[in-house]
Amino acid sequence: MTRFPYRPGDAKALCDRCGRQYYLSQLTQEYTGLMVDEGCLDEQHPQELAPPPRVERPLVNARPSPPDNFIEEMSVSRDDL
């Protein structure tokens, strides 16, 4: 008897990481795109995932900025300085 008997609709395939022969139904596509068996499967580390979007929180007791007080041209003389 052979190691891999015929299974209708299930092809033979090689693990991209270790090179062993498996049925295609026994391989899983990894986050890197490789087709690997359960023993070679690496989970993606949480630090490699994108950070969640920041939630913009409104300011507490937010107040509008006061209007600008500009000095007019002739309001200050040399005697004032």
PDB file of N, CA and C in Angstrom:
ATOM      1  N   MET A   1       0.841  -1.170   0.000  1.00  0.00           N
ATOM      2  CA  MET A   1       0.000   0.000   0.000  1.00  0.00           C
ATOM      3  C   MET A   1       0.893   1.242   0.000  1.00  0.00           C
ATOM      4  N   THR A   2       0.504   2.221  -0.768  1.00  0.00           N
ATOM      5  CA  THR A   2       1.302   3.443  -0.866  1.00  0.00           C
ATOM      6  C   THR A   2       0.993   4.378   0.287  1.00  0.00           C
ATOM      7  N   ARG A   3       1.901   5.296   0.484  1.00  0.00           N
ATOM      8  CA  ARG A   3       1.752   6.249   1.585  1.00  0.00           C
ATOM      9  C   ARG A   3       0.597   7.207   1.322  1.00  0.00           C
ATOM     10  N   PHE A   4       0.398   7.571   0.070  1.00  0.00           N
ATOM     11  CA  PHE A   4      -0.662   8.487  -0.309  1.00  0.00           C
ATOM     12  C   PHE A   4      -1.616   7.793  -1.265  1.00  0.00           C
ATOM     13  N   PRO A   5      -2.623   7.099  -0.737  1.00  0.00           N
ATOM     14  CA  PRO A   5      -3.590   6.462  -1.636  1.00  0.00           C
ATOM     15  C   PRO A   5      -4.398   7.526  -2.378  1.00  0.00           C
ATOM     16  N   TYR A   6      -5.008   7.095  -3.475  1.00  0.00           N
ATOM     17  CA  TYR A   6      -5.766   8.016  -4.313  1.00  0.00           C
ATOM     18  C   TYR A   6      -6.998   8.520  -3.560  1.00  0.00           C
ATOM     19  N   ARG A   7      -7.178   9.847  -3.591  1.00  0.00           N
ATOM     20  CA  ARG A   7      -8.382  10.460  -3.049  1.00  0.00           C
ATOM     21  C   ARG A   7      -9.028  11.252  -4.180  1.00  0.00           C
ATOM     22  N   PRO A   8     -10.232  10.944  -4.544  1.00  0.00           N
ATOM     23  CA  PRO A   8     -10.877  11.681  -5.642  1.00  0.00           C
ATOM     24  C   PRO A   8     -11.041  13.161  -5.286  1.00  0.00           C
ATOM     25  N   GLY A   9     -10.555  14.032  -6.164  1.00  0.00           N
ATOM     26  CA  GLY A   9     -10.699  15.469  -5.973  1.00  0.00           C
ATOM     27  C   GLY A   9      -9.693  16.095  -5.038  1.00  0.00           C
ATOM     28  N   ASP A  10      -8.730  15.336  -4.521  1.00  0.00           N
ATOM     29  CA  ASP A  10      -7.723  15.883  -3.602  1.00  0.00           C
ATOM     30  C   ASP A  10      -6.336  15.630  -4.189  1.00  0.00           C
ATOM     31  N   ALA A  11      -5.663  16.676  -4.586  1.00  0.00           N
ATOM     32  CA  ALA A  11      -4.357  16.548  -5.229  1.00  0.00           C
ATOM     33  C   ALA A  11      -3.242  16.462  -4.189  1.00  0.00           C
ATOM     34  N   LYS A  12      -2.116  15.954  -4.609  1.00  0.00           N
ATOM     35  CA  LYS A  12      -0.926  15.955  -3.763  1.00  0.00           C
ATOM     36  C   LYS A  12      -0.222  17.294  -3.918  1.00  0.00           C
ATOM     37  N   ALA A  13       0.375  17.768  -2.827  1.00  0.00           N
ATOM     38  CA  ALA A  13       1.061  19.063  -2.857  1.00  0.00           C
ATOM     39  C   ALA A  13       2.226  19.016  -1.885  1.00  0.00           C
ATOM     40  N   LEU A  14       3.150  19.952  -2.054  1.00  0.00           N
ATOM     41  CA  LEU A  14       4.312  20.053  -1.173  1.00  0.00           C
ATOM     42  C   LEU A  14       4.157  21.250  -0.247  1.00  0.00           C
ATOM     43  N   CYS A  15       4.575  21.062   0.993  1.00  0.00           N
ATOM     44  CA  CYS A  15       4.605  22.168   1.952  1.00  0.00           C
ATOM     45  C   CYS A  15       5.698  23.138   1.506  1.00  0.00           C
ATOM     46  N   ASP A  16       5.370  24.426   1.422  1.00  0.00           N
ATOM     47  CA  ASP A  16       6.348  25.411   0.973  1.00  0.00           C
ATOM     48  C   ASP A  16       7.469  25.637   1.975  1.00  0.00           C
ATOM     49  N   ARG A  17       7.272  25.285   3.227  1.00  0.00           N
ATOM     50  CA  ARG A  17       8.303  25.520   4.228  1.00  0.00           C
ATOM     51  C   ARG A  17       9.223  24.315   4.422  1.00  0.00           C
ATOM     52  N   CYS A  18       8.659  23.105   4.580  1.00  0.00           N
ATOM     53  CA  CYS A  18       9.511  21.939   4.872  1.00  0.00           C
ATOM     54  C   CYS A  18       9.704  21.031   3.659  1.00  0.00           C
ATOM     55  N   GLY A  19       8.863  21.132   2.632  1.00  0.00           N
ATOM     56  CA  GLY A  19       9.023  20.338   1.427  1.00  0.00           C
ATOM     57  C   GLY A  19       8.423  18.948   1.500  1.00  0.00           C
ATOM     58  N   ARG A  20       7.721  18.618   2.577  1.00  0.00           N
ATOM     59  CA  ARG A  20       7.098  17.294   2.678  1.00  0.00           C
ATOM     60  C   ARG A  20       5.844  17.244   1.815  1.00  0.00           C
ATOM     61  N   GLN A  21       5.465  16.042   1.440  1.00  0.00           N
ATOM     62  CA  GLN A  21       4.314  15.850   0.575  1.00  0.00           C
ATOM     63  C   GLN A  21       3.061  15.626   1.419  1.00  0.00           C
ATOM     64  N   TYR A  22       2.000  16.366   1.095  1.00  0.00           N
ATOM     65  CA  TYR A  22       0.721  16.256   1.783  1.00  0.00           C
ATOM     66  C   TYR A  22      -0.387  16.311   0.741  1.00  0.00           C
ATOM     67  N   TYR A  23      -1.610  16.021   1.190  1.00  0.00           N
ATOM     68  CA  TYR A  23      -2.763  16.293   0.349  1.00  0.00           C
ATOM     69  C   TYR A  23      -3.043  17.784   0.429  1.00  0.00           C
ATOM     70  N   LEU A  24      -3.586  18.341  -0.631  1.00  0.00           N
ATOM     71  CA  LEU A  24      -3.863  19.769  -0.688  1.00  0.00           C
ATOM     72  C   LEU A  24      -4.845  20.188   0.409  1.00  0.00           C
ATOM     73  N   SER A  25      -5.743  19.286   0.771  1.00  0.00           N
ATOM     74  CA  SER A  25      -6.710  19.598   1.828  1.00  0.00           C
ATOM     75  C   SER A  25      -6.045  19.687   3.199  1.00  0.00           C
ATOM     76  N   GLN A  26      -4.824  19.159   3.356  1.00  0.00           N
ATOM     77  CA  GLN A  26      -4.115  19.211   4.631  1.00  0.00           C
ATOM     78  C   GLN A  26      -3.265  20.473   4.765  1.00  0.00           C
ATOM     79  N   LEU A  27      -3.111  21.244   3.698  1.00  0.00           N
ATOM     80  CA  LEU A  27      -2.300  22.453   3.739  1.00  0.00           C
ATOM     81  C   LEU A  27      -3.176  23.678   3.996  1.00  0.00           C
ATOM     82  N   THR A  28      -2.590  24.664   4.635  1.00  0.00           N
ATOM     83  CA  THR A  28      -3.276  25.914   4.959  1.00  0.00           C
ATOM     84  C   THR A  28      -2.463  27.060   4.401  1.00  0.00           C
ATOM     85  N   GLN A  29      -3.148  28.072   3.886  1.00  0.00           N
ATOM     86  CA  GLN A  29      -2.423  29.249   3.399  1.00  0.00           C
ATOM     87  C   GLN A  29      -2.114  30.162   4.582  1.00  0.00           C
ATOM     88  N   GLU A  30      -0.827  30.466   4.720  1.00  0.00           N
ATOM     89  CA  GLU A  30      -0.342  31.300   5.806  1.00  0.00           C
ATOM     90  C   GLU A  30      -0.530  32.772   5.445  1.00  0.00           C
ATOM     91  N   TYR A  31      -0.353  33.688   6.420  1.00  0.00           N
ATOM     92  CA  TYR A  31      -0.500  35.121   6.160  1.00  0.00           C
ATOM     93  C   TYR A  31       0.552  35.633   5.179  1.00  0.00           C
ATOM     94  N   THR A  32       1.637  34.889   4.979  1.00  0.00           N
ATOM     95  CA  THR A  32       2.666  35.283   4.018  1.00  0.00           C
ATOM     96  C   THR A  32       2.321  34.814   2.607  1.00  0.00           C
ATOM     97  N   GLY A  33       1.287  33.980   2.482  1.00  0.00           N
ATOM     98  CA  GLY A  33       0.886  33.449   1.184  1.00  0.00           C
ATOM     99  C   GLY A  33       1.406  32.051   0.924  1.00  0.00           C
ATOM    100  N   LEU A  34       2.240  31.502   1.806  1.00  0.00           N
ATOM    101  CA  LEU A  34       2.776  30.149   1.636  1.00  0.00           C
ATOM    102  C   LEU A  34       1.721  29.117   2.001  1.00  0.00           C
ATOM    103  N   MET A  35       1.748  27.991   1.309  1.00  0.00           N
ATOM    104  CA  MET A  35       0.882  26.865   1.646  1.00  0.00           C
ATOM    105  C   MET A  35       1.695  25.918   2.525  1.00  0.00           C
ATOM    106  N   VAL A  36       1.309  25.793   3.798  1.00  0.00           N
ATOM    107  CA  VAL A  36       2.083  25.014   4.765  1.00  0.00           C
ATOM    108  C   VAL A  36       1.165  24.055   5.511  1.00  0.00           C
ATOM    109  N   ASP A  37       1.780  23.025   6.128  1.00  0.00           N
ATOM    110  CA  ASP A  37       1.014  22.086   6.946  1.00  0.00           C
ATOM    111  C   ASP A  37       0.871  22.649   8.351  1.00  0.00           C
ATOM    112  N   GLU A  38       0.127  21.962   9.194  1.00  0.00           N
ATOM    113  CA  GLU A  38      -0.144  22.467  10.540  1.00  0.00           C
ATOM    114  C   GLU A  38       1.125  22.598  11.379  1.00  0.00           C
ATOM    115  N   GLY A  39       2.100  21.728  11.189  1.00  0.00           N
ATOM    116  CA  GLY A  39       3.334  21.786  11.959  1.00  0.00           C
ATOM    117  C   GLY A  39       4.216  22.969  11.598  1.00  0.00           C
ATOM    118  N   CYS A  40       4.107  23.448  10.378  1.00  0.00           N
ATOM    119  CA  CYS A  40       4.931  24.570   9.912  1.00  0.00           C
ATOM    120  C   CYS A  40       4.195  25.902   9.979  1.00  0.00           C
ATOM    121  N   LEU A  41       2.934  25.893  10.367  1.00  0.00           N
ATOM    122  CA  LEU A  41       2.118  27.100  10.351  1.00  0.00           C
ATOM    123  C   LEU A  41       2.596  28.089  11.410  1.00  0.00           C
ATOM    124  N   ASP A  42       2.929  29.303  11.001  1.00  0.00           N
ATOM    125  CA  ASP A  42       3.320  30.369  11.919  1.00  0.00           C
ATOM    126  C   ASP A  42       2.181  31.370  12.007  1.00  0.00           C
ATOM    127  N   GLU A  43       1.807  31.712  13.220  1.00  0.00           N
ATOM    128  CA  GLU A  43       0.771  32.721  13.416  1.00  0.00           C
ATOM    129  C   GLU A  43       1.409  34.096  13.298  1.00  0.00           C
ATOM    130  N   GLN A  44       0.655  35.026  12.807  1.00  0.00           N
ATOM    131  CA  GLN A  44       1.172  36.383  12.667  1.00  0.00           C
ATOM    132  C   GLN A  44       1.244  37.028  14.045  1.00  0.00           C
ATOM    133  N   HIS A  45       2.383  37.674  14.336  1.00  0.00           N
ATOM    134  CA  HIS A  45       2.573  38.322  15.620  1.00  0.00           C
ATOM    135  C   HIS A  45       1.692  39.557  15.700  1.00  0.00           C
ATOM    136  N   PRO A  46       1.073  39.815  16.855  1.00  0.00           N
ATOM    137  CA  PRO A  46       0.175  40.974  16.963  1.00  0.00           C
ATOM    138  C   PRO A  46       0.850  42.310  16.664  1.00  0.00           C
ATOM    139  N   GLN A  47       2.161  42.428  16.887  1.00  0.00           N
ATOM    140  CA  GLN A  47       2.842  43.690  16.609  1.00  0.00           C
ATOM    141  C   GLN A  47       2.983  43.954  15.113  1.00  0.00           C
ATOM    142  N   GLU A  48       2.826  42.922  14.283  1.00  0.00           N
ATOM    143  CA  GLU A  48       2.897  43.113  12.838  1.00  0.00           C
ATOM    144  C   GLU A  48       1.579  43.612  12.261  1.00  0.00           C
ATOM    145  N   LEU A  49       0.527  43.538  13.050  1.00  0.00           N
ATOM    146  CA  LEU A  49      -0.778  44.004  12.590  1.00  0.00           C
ATOM    147  C   LEU A  49      -0.836  45.525  12.656  1.00  0.00           C
ATOM    148  N   ALA A  50      -1.651  46.120  11.852  1.00  0.00           N
ATOM    149  CA  ALA A  50      -1.790  47.574  11.856  1.00  0.00           C
ATOM    150  C   ALA A  50      -2.452  48.020  13.157  1.00  0.00           C
ATOM    151  N   PRO A  51      -1.998  49.142  13.705  1.00  0.00           N
ATOM    152  CA  PRO A  51      -2.618  49.612  14.945  1.00  0.00           C
ATOM    153  C   PRO A  51      -4.048  50.076  14.680  1.00  0.00           C
ATOM    154  N   PRO A  52      -4.892  49.977  15.676  1.00  0.00           N
ATOM    155  CA  PRO A  52      -6.271  50.428  15.467  1.00  0.00           C
ATOM    156  C   PRO A  52      -6.299  51.947  15.259  1.00  0.00           C
ATOM    157  N   PRO A  53      -7.270  52.442  14.498  1.00  0.00           N
ATOM    158  CA  PRO A  53      -7.317  53.891  14.275  1.00  0.00           C
ATOM    159  C   PRO A  53      -7.610  54.624  15.571  1.00  0.00           C
ATOM    160  N   ARG A  54      -6.989  55.793  15.701  1.00  0.00           N
ATOM    161  CA  ARG A  54      -7.195  56.581  16.911  1.00  0.00           C
ATOM    162  C   ARG A  54      -8.569  57.232  16.867  1.00  0.00           C
ATOM    163  N   VAL A  55      -9.197  57.261  18.015  1.00  0.00           N
ATOM    164  CA  VAL A  55     -10.507  57.888  18.124  1.00  0.00           C
ATOM    165  C   VAL A  55     -10.282  59.321  18.578  1.00  0.00           C
ATOM    166  N   GLU A  56     -10.758  60.262  17.779  1.00  0.00           N
ATOM    167  CA  GLU A  56     -10.623  61.671  18.146  1.00  0.00           C
ATOM    168  C   GLU A  56     -11.660  61.995  19.215  1.00  0.00           C
ATOM    169  N   ARG A  57     -11.183  62.366  20.386  1.00  0.00           N
ATOM    170  CA  ARG A  57     -12.083  62.711  21.480  1.00  0.00           C
ATOM    171  C   ARG A  57     -12.216  64.225  21.546  1.00  0.00           C
ATOM    172  N   PRO A  58     -13.410  64.723  21.767  1.00  0.00           N
ATOM    173  CA  PRO A  58     -13.566  66.176  21.873  1.00  0.00           C
ATOM    174  C   PRO A  58     -12.928  66.688  23.163  1.00  0.00           C
ATOM    175  N   LEU A  59     -12.485  67.929  23.130  1.00  0.00           N
ATOM    176  CA  LEU A  59     -11.898  68.539  24.316  1.00  0.00           C
ATOM    177  C   LEU A  59     -12.976  68.812  25.345  1.00  0.00           C
ATOM    178  N   VAL A  60     -12.638  68.601  26.607  1.00  0.00           N
ATOM    179  CA  VAL A  60     -13.581  68.873  27.676  1.00  0.00           C
ATOM    180  C   VAL A  60     -13.531  70.373  27.977  1.00  0.00           C
ATOM    181  N   ASN A  61     -14.672  71.013  28.119  1.00  0.00           N
ATOM    182  CA  ASN A  61     -14.780  72.454  28.386  1.00  0.00           C
ATOM    183  C   ASN A  61     -14.039  73.272  27.335  1.00  0.00           C
ATOM    184  N   ALA A  62     -14.202  72.924  26.106  1.00  0.00           N
ATOM    185  CA  ALA A  62     -13.527  73.658  25.028  1.00  0.00           C
ATOM    186  C   ALA A  62     -14.142  75.045  24.896  1.00  0.00           C
ATOM    187  N   ARG A  63     -13.299  76.057  24.771  1.00  0.00           N
ATOM    188  CA  ARG A  63     -13.763  77.433  24.634  1.00  0.00           C
ATOM    189  C   ARG A  63     -13.148  78.020  23.376  1.00  0.00           C
ATOM    190  N   PRO A  64     -13.877  78.904  22.719  1.00  0.00           N
ATOM    191  CA  PRO A  64     -13.281  79.536  21.541  1.00  0.00           C
ATOM    192  C   PRO A  64     -12.147  80.462  21.954  1.00  0.00           C
ATOM    193  N   SER A  65     -11.167  80.616  21.078  1.00  0.00           N
ATOM    194  CA  SER A  65     -10.049  81.508  21.404  1.00  0.00           C
ATOM    195  C   SER A  65     -10.536  82.954  21.353  1.00  0.00           C
ATOM    196  N   PRO A  66     -10.004  83.814  22.232  1.00  0.00           N
ATOM    197  CA  PRO A  66     -10.447  85.206  22.252  1.00  0.00           C
ATOM    198  C   PRO A  66     -10.028  85.919  20.973  1.00  0.00           C
ATOM    199  N   PRO A  67     -10.759  86.960  20.599  1.00  0.00           N
ATOM    200  CA  PRO A  67     -10.398  87.681  19.381  1.00  0.00           C
ATOM    201  C   PRO A  67      -9.055  88.388  19.549  1.00  0.00           C
ATOM    202  N   ASP A  68      -8.343  88.570  18.453  1.00  0.00           N
ATOM    203  CA  ASP A  68      -7.058  89.251  18.491  1.00  0.00           C
ATOM    204  C   ASP A  68      -7.281  90.754  18.687  1.00  0.00           C
ATOM    205  N   ASN A  69      -6.471  91.351  19.560  1.00  0.00           N
ATOM    206  CA  ASN A  69      -6.535  92.798  19.791  1.00  0.00           C
ATOM    207  C   ASN A  69      -5.333  93.424  19.128  1.00  0.00           C
ATOM    208  N   PHE A  70      -5.564  94.013  17.990  1.00  0.00           N
ATOM    209  CA  PHE A  70      -4.480  94.651  17.256  1.00  0.00           C
ATOM    210  C   PHE A  70      -4.379  96.119  17.659  1.00  0.00           C
ATOM    211  N   ILE A  71      -3.178  96.606  17.694  1.00  0.00           N
ATOM    212  CA  ILE A  71      -2.939  98.025  17.987  1.00  0.00           C
ATOM    213  C   ILE A  71      -3.016  98.791  16.684  1.00  0.00           C
ATOM    214  N   GLU A  72      -3.776  99.878  16.707  1.00  0.00           N
ATOM    215  CA  GLU A  72      -3.878 100.690  15.496  1.00  0.00           C
ATOM    216  C   GLU A  72      -2.582 101.452  15.284  1.00  0.00           C
ATOM    217  N   GLU A  73      -2.374 101.935  14.088  1.00  0.00           N
ATOM    218  CA  GLU A  73      -1.120 102.577  13.749  1.00  0.00           C
ATOM    219  C   GLU A  73      -0.788 103.778  14.619  1.00  0.00           C
ATOM    220  N   MET A  74      -1.732 104.632  14.823  1.00  0.00           N
ATOM    221  CA  MET A  74      -1.463 105.884  15.516  1.00  0.00           C
ATOM    222  C   MET A  74      -1.838 105.843  16.988  1.00  0.00           C
ATOM    223  N   SER A  75      -2.158 104.710  17.557  1.00  0.00           N
ATOM    224  CA  SER A  75      -2.590 104.675  18.937  1.00  0.00           C
ATOM    225  C   SER A  75      -1.410 104.780  19.912  1.00  0.00           C
ATOM    226  N   VAL A  76      -0.196 104.506  19.478  1.00  0.00           N
ATOM    227  CA  VAL A  76       0.979 104.585  20.343  1.00  0.00           C
ATOM    228  C   VAL A  76       1.897 105.665  19.780  1.00  0.00           C
ATOM    229  N   SER A  77       2.324 106.576  20.636  1.00  0.00           N
ATOM    230  CA  SER A  77       3.233 107.636  20.212  1.00  0.00           C
ATOM    231  C   SER A  77       4.596 107.417  20.872  1.00  0.00           C
ATOM    232  N   ARG A  78       5.573 108.251  20.512  1.00  0.00           N
ATOM    233  CA  ARG A  78       6.904 108.111  21.123  1.00  0.00           C
ATOM    234  C   ARG A  78       6.880 108.466  22.590  1.00  0.00           C
ATOM    235  N   ASP A  79       6.006 109.311  22.994  1.00  0.00           N
ATOM    236  CA  ASP A  79       5.926 109.695  24.407  1.00  0.00           C
ATOM    237  C   ASP A  79       5.391 108.549  25.262  1.00  0.00           C
ATOM    238  N   ASP A  80       4.583 107.656  24.658  1.00  0.00           N
ATOM    239  CA  ASP A  80       4.062 106.518  25.399  1.00  0.00           C
ATOM    240  C   ASP A  80       5.149 105.480  25.685  1.00  0.00           C
ATOM    241  N   LEU A  81       6.177 105.467  24.878  1.00  0.00           N
ATOM    242  CA  LEU A  81       7.226 104.476  25.060  1.00  0.00           C
ATOM    243  C   LEU A  81       8.211 104.995  26.013  1.00  0.00           C
TER     244      LEU A  81
END
